[in-house]
Amino acid sequence: MQANLGNSLRIRFELTGSQHDLDEAIDASREAAIWASRPLRDPQLAQVLSNFGLALLARFELAGSQK
């Protein structure tokens, strides 16, 4: 559930540019990654980590454009 929320917030950030959405996406994705990485929790761990990485990449790109 957190993975879907994180991905949706990241997509909304891409559409609106809202820093708050991006911060919330990263928080939700981090929680999903922690939960999914526990033994026998989520067979979609790779996808969860990919979504988390995309959110972090978006933050990096945003920070770079503000320099």
C-alpha atoms as a PDB file:
ATOM      1  CA  MET A   1       0.000   0.000   0.000  1.00  0.00           C
ATOM      2  CA  GLN A   2       2.790   2.441   0.910  1.00  0.00           C
ATOM      3  CA  ALA A   3       4.539   1.614  -2.364  1.00  0.00           C
ATOM      4  CA  ASN A   4       1.476   2.658  -4.362  1.00  0.00           C
ATOM      5  CA  LEU A   5       1.135   5.835  -2.322  1.00  0.00           C
ATOM      6  CA  GLY A   6       4.786   6.714  -2.812  1.00  0.00           C
ATOM      7  CA  ASN A   7       4.619   6.133  -6.547  1.00  0.00           C
ATOM      8  CA  SER A   8       1.406   8.138  -6.883  1.00  0.00           C
ATOM      9  CA  LEU A   9       2.861  11.057  -4.958  1.00  0.00           C
ATOM     10  CA  ARG A  10       6.003  10.984  -7.103  1.00  0.00           C
ATOM     11  CA  ILE A  11       3.901  11.108 -10.256  1.00  0.00           C
ATOM     12  CA  ARG A  12       1.870  13.982  -8.816  1.00  0.00           C
ATOM     13  CA  PHE A  13       5.136  15.792  -8.059  1.00  0.00           C
ATOM     14  CA  GLU A  14       6.179  15.336 -11.689  1.00  0.00           C
ATOM     15  CA  LEU A  15       2.888  16.914 -12.791  1.00  0.00           C
ATOM     16  CA  THR A  16       2.727  19.758 -10.269  1.00  0.00           C
ATOM     17  CA  GLY A  17       6.307  20.338  -9.117  1.00  0.00           C
ATOM     18  CA  SER A  18       5.169  20.296  -5.469  1.00  0.00           C
ATOM     19  CA  GLN A  19       8.174  19.757  -3.172  1.00  0.00           C
ATOM     20  CA  HIS A  20       5.787  18.556  -0.460  1.00  0.00           C
ATOM     21  CA  ASP A  21       4.516  15.758  -2.708  1.00  0.00           C
ATOM     22  CA  LEU A  22       8.071  14.674  -3.417  1.00  0.00           C
ATOM     23  CA  ASP A  23       8.991  14.651   0.272  1.00  0.00           C
ATOM     24  CA  GLU A  24       5.894  12.589   1.069  1.00  0.00           C
ATOM     25  CA  ALA A  25       6.679  10.226  -1.827  1.00  0.00           C
ATOM     26  CA  ILE A  26      10.144   9.610  -0.442  1.00  0.00           C
ATOM     27  CA  ASP A  27       8.811   8.984   3.068  1.00  0.00           C
ATOM     28  CA  ALA A  28       6.144   6.556   1.822  1.00  0.00           C
ATOM     29  CA  SER A  29       8.613   4.780  -0.466  1.00  0.00           C
ATOM     30  CA  ARG A  30      11.142   4.449   2.349  1.00  0.00           C
ATOM     31  CA  GLU A  31       8.502   2.866   4.596  1.00  0.00           C
ATOM     32  CA  ALA A  32       7.493   0.481   1.807  1.00  0.00           C
ATOM     33  CA  ALA A  33      11.119  -0.517   1.221  1.00  0.00           C
ATOM     34  CA  ILE A  34      11.659  -1.217   4.914  1.00  0.00           C
ATOM     35  CA  TRP A  35       8.506  -3.314   5.109  1.00  0.00           C
ATOM     36  CA  ALA A  36       9.145  -5.164   1.844  1.00  0.00           C
ATOM     37  CA  SER A  37      12.738  -6.026   2.723  1.00  0.00           C
ATOM     38  CA  ARG A  38      11.758  -8.045   5.761  1.00  0.00           C
ATOM     39  CA  PRO A  39      12.000 -11.798   5.183  1.00  0.00           C
ATOM     40  CA  LEU A  40       9.122 -13.296   3.216  1.00  0.00           C
ATOM     41  CA  ARG A  41       7.214 -10.009   3.131  1.00  0.00           C
ATOM     42  CA  ASP A  42       6.922  -8.877  -0.453  1.00  0.00           C
ATOM     43  CA  PRO A  43       7.863 -10.634  -3.677  1.00  0.00           C
ATOM     44  CA  GLN A  44       7.827  -7.220  -5.362  1.00  0.00           C
ATOM     45  CA  LEU A  45      10.845  -5.942  -3.429  1.00  0.00           C
ATOM     46  CA  ALA A  46      12.704  -5.018  -6.624  1.00  0.00           C
ATOM     47  CA  GLN A  47       9.808  -2.837  -7.801  1.00  0.00           C
ATOM     48  CA  VAL A  48       9.467  -1.184  -4.391  1.00  0.00           C
ATOM     49  CA  LEU A  49      13.177  -0.352  -4.343  1.00  0.00           C
ATOM     50  CA  SER A  50      12.988   0.933  -7.915  1.00  0.00           C
ATOM     51  CA  ASN A  51      10.154   3.307  -7.005  1.00  0.00           C
ATOM     52  CA  PHE A  52      12.122   4.514  -3.976  1.00  0.00           C
ATOM     53  CA  GLY A  53      15.147   5.114  -6.197  1.00  0.00           C
ATOM     54  CA  LEU A  54      13.066   7.098  -8.688  1.00  0.00           C
ATOM     55  CA  ALA A  55      11.781   9.345  -5.908  1.00  0.00           C
ATOM     56  CA  LEU A  56      15.312   9.933  -4.627  1.00  0.00           C
ATOM     57  CA  LEU A  57      16.492  10.664  -8.171  1.00  0.00           C
ATOM     58  CA  ALA A  58      13.739  13.248  -8.571  1.00  0.00           C
ATOM     59  CA  ARG A  59      14.867  14.952  -5.351  1.00  0.00           C
ATOM     60  CA  PHE A  60      18.486  14.949  -6.559  1.00  0.00           C
ATOM     61  CA  GLU A  61      17.492  16.440  -9.901  1.00  0.00           C
ATOM     62  CA  LEU A  62      15.355  19.087  -8.177  1.00  0.00           C
ATOM     63  CA  ALA A  63      18.177  20.049  -5.836  1.00  0.00           C
ATOM     64  CA  GLY A  64      20.599  20.290  -8.745  1.00  0.00           C
ATOM     65  CA  SER A  65      18.285  22.600 -10.669  1.00  0.00           C
ATOM     66  CA  GLN A  66      18.056  24.976  -7.702  1.00  0.00           C
ATOM     67  CA  LYS A  67      21.815  25.653  -7.537  1.00  0.00           C
END
